C-alpha atoms as a PDB file:
ATOM      1  CA  MET A   1    -155.264 -99.858 111.543  1.00  0.00           C
ATOM      2  CA  VAL A   2    -157.924-101.051 113.949  1.00  0.00           C
ATOM      3  CA  ALA A   3    -161.499-100.483 112.813  1.00  0.00           C
ATOM      4  CA  THR A   4    -163.561 -98.465 115.224  1.00  0.00           C
ATOM      5  CA  GLN A   5    -167.259 -97.803 115.292  1.00  0.00           C
ATOM      6  CA  GLU A   6    -166.567 -94.405 113.756  1.00  0.00           C
ATOM      7  CA  THR A   7    -164.751 -95.741 110.663  1.00  0.00           C
ATOM      8  CA  THR A   8    -166.700 -98.943 110.063  1.00  0.00           C
ATOM      9  CA  PRO A   9    -169.976 -97.328 108.882  1.00  0.00           C
ATOM     10  CA  ASN A  10    -168.068 -95.103 106.421  1.00  0.00           C
ATOM     11  CA  CYS A  11    -166.204 -98.121 105.083  1.00  0.00           C
ATOM     12  CA  GLN A  12    -169.461-100.046 104.693  1.00  0.00           C
ATOM     13  CA  THR A  13    -171.120 -97.072 103.013  1.00  0.00           C
ATOM     14  CA  GLY A  14    -168.224 -96.762 100.576  1.00  0.00           C
ATOM     15  CA  GLN A  15    -168.344-100.473  99.786  1.00  0.00           C
ATOM     16  CA  ALA A  16    -172.134-100.351  99.304  1.00  0.00           C
ATOM     17  CA  GLN A  17    -171.801 -97.365  96.955  1.00  0.00           C
ATOM     18  CA  ARG A  18    -169.094 -99.143  94.943  1.00  0.00           C
ATOM     19  CA  LEU A  19    -171.213-102.307  94.626  1.00  0.00           C
ATOM     20  CA  GLU A  20    -174.280-100.287  93.632  1.00  0.00           C
ATOM     21  CA  ARG A  21    -172.265 -98.405  90.982  1.00  0.00           C
ATOM     22  CA  GLU A  22    -170.945-101.704  89.575  1.00  0.00           C
ATOM     23  CA  THR A  23    -174.471-103.140  89.425  1.00  0.00           C
ATOM     24  CA  VAL A  24    -175.876-100.074  87.682  1.00  0.00           C
ATOM     25  CA  LEU A  25    -173.042-100.109  85.113  1.00  0.00           C
ATOM     26  CA  HIS A  26    -173.641-103.823  84.535  1.00  0.00           C
ATOM     27  CA  ASP A  27    -177.368-103.229  84.030  1.00  0.00           C
ATOM     28  CA  LEU A  28    -176.697-100.338  81.623  1.00  0.00           C
ATOM     29  CA  GLY A  29    -174.514-102.694  79.597  1.00  0.00           C
ATOM     30  CA  TYR A  30    -177.394-105.186  79.407  1.00  0.00           C
ATOM     31  CA  LEU A  31    -179.759-102.399  78.296  1.00  0.00           C
ATOM     32  CA  ARG A  32    -177.299-101.366  75.562  1.00  0.00           C
ATOM     33  CA  GLN A  33    -177.127-104.981  74.372  1.00  0.00           C
ATOM     34  CA  ALA A  34    -180.928-105.294  74.394  1.00  0.00           C
ATOM     35  CA  ALA A  35    -181.181-102.172  72.221  1.00  0.00           C
ATOM     36  CA  ALA A  36    -178.440-103.290  69.822  1.00  0.00           C
ATOM     37  CA  LEU A  37    -179.308-106.963  69.333  1.00  0.00           C
ATOM     38  CA  PRO A  38    -182.189-107.557  66.899  1.00  0.00           C
ATOM     39  CA  HIS A  39    -183.213-110.870  68.493  1.00  0.00           C
ATOM     40  CA  ALA A  40    -183.096-109.723  72.131  1.00  0.00           C
ATOM     41  CA  HIS A  41    -186.360-110.342  73.958  1.00  0.00           C
ATOM     42  CA  VAL A  42    -187.977-110.556  77.377  1.00  0.00           C
ATOM     43  CA  ILE A  43    -190.101-113.569  78.319  1.00  0.00           C
ATOM     44  CA  CYS A  44    -192.333-113.551  81.374  1.00  0.00           C
ATOM     45  CA  GLY A  45    -193.907-116.801  82.519  1.00  0.00           C
ATOM     46  CA  GLU A  46    -194.706-118.901  85.558  1.00  0.00           C
ATOM     47  CA  GLY A  47    -190.997-119.594  86.082  1.00  0.00           C
ATOM     48  CA  GLY A  48    -190.069-115.922  86.264  1.00  0.00           C
ATOM     49  CA  THR A  49    -188.766-113.279  83.876  1.00  0.00           C
ATOM     50  CA  PHE A  50    -185.913-113.787  81.413  1.00  0.00           C
ATOM     51  CA  LEU A  51    -184.030-111.188  79.400  1.00  0.00           C
ATOM     52  CA  HIS A  52    -182.402-113.051  76.485  1.00  0.00           C
ATOM     53  CA  LEU A  53    -179.437-111.277  74.896  1.00  0.00           C
ATOM     54  CA  GLY A  54    -178.013-113.795  72.487  1.00  0.00           C
ATOM     55  CA  TRP A  55    -175.301-115.613  74.465  1.00  0.00           C
ATOM     56  CA  THR A  56    -176.354-114.031  77.756  1.00  0.00           C
ATOM     57  CA  THR A  57    -179.541-114.520  79.753  1.00  0.00           C
ATOM     58  CA  VAL A  58    -180.449-112.441  82.786  1.00  0.00           C
ATOM     59  CA  SER A  59    -183.266-113.892  84.845  1.00  0.00           C
ATOM     60  CA  THR A  60    -185.186-113.775  88.101  1.00  0.00           C
ATOM     61  CA  LEU A  61    -188.016-115.747  89.627  1.00  0.00           C
ATOM     62  CA  ALA A  62    -189.975-112.495  89.999  1.00  0.00           C
ATOM     63  CA  PRO A  63    -192.583-111.211  87.542  1.00  0.00           C
ATOM     64  CA  ILE A  64    -191.547-108.396  85.199  1.00  0.00           C
ATOM     65  CA  GLU A  65    -193.199-105.853  87.508  1.00  0.00           C
ATOM     66  CA  ARG A  66    -190.481-106.648  90.088  1.00  0.00           C
ATOM     67  CA  PHE A  67    -187.547-106.881  87.623  1.00  0.00           C
ATOM     68  CA  PRO A  68    -186.657-103.273  86.719  1.00  0.00           C
ATOM     69  CA  LEU A  69    -183.960-104.222  84.205  1.00  0.00           C
ATOM     70  CA  ALA A  70    -186.431-106.207  82.083  1.00  0.00           C
ATOM     71  CA  ALA A  71    -189.125-103.549  82.475  1.00  0.00           C
ATOM     72  CA  PHE A  72    -186.702-100.857  81.237  1.00  0.00           C
ATOM     73  CA  ALA A  73    -185.664-103.033  78.294  1.00  0.00           C
ATOM     74  CA  VAL A  74    -189.310-103.493  77.269  1.00  0.00           C
ATOM     75  CA  ALA A  75    -190.010 -99.778  77.734  1.00  0.00           C
ATOM     76  CA  ARG A  76    -187.090 -99.053  75.380  1.00  0.00           C
ATOM     77  CA  GLY A  77    -188.548-101.312  72.679  1.00  0.00           C
ATOM     78  CA  THR A  78    -187.205-104.816  73.357  1.00  0.00           C
ATOM     79  CA  SER A  79    -189.694-107.495  72.294  1.00  0.00           C
ATOM     80  CA  PHE A  80    -191.845-108.803  75.141  1.00  0.00           C
ATOM     81  CA  ILE A  81    -193.428-112.260  75.270  1.00  0.00           C
ATOM     82  CA  ASP A  82    -195.905-112.774  78.115  1.00  0.00           C
ATOM     83  CA  ILE A  83    -196.773-116.456  78.613  1.00  0.00           C
ATOM     84  CA  ARG A  84    -198.221-116.116  82.097  1.00  0.00           C
ATOM     85  CA  PRO A  85    -201.507-117.953  82.640  1.00  0.00           C
END
């Protein structure tokens, strides 16, 4: 089948929705781990924000205010260590 301008946006929308759903499910898994693991913690410093989950670390160069996953984890009770100057 040849892609036309009429079918391409729908295909892209479907792919974007699938990728967004996968990302949300991934993030929910991280939040479940943060709630279940007693030593899970979030560290925010000059180098960015890190969500430590035992064997797994999720990180970004952004501060916690721009990292919703870490902010949600802290809001749900995960330990937070702020070492920003």
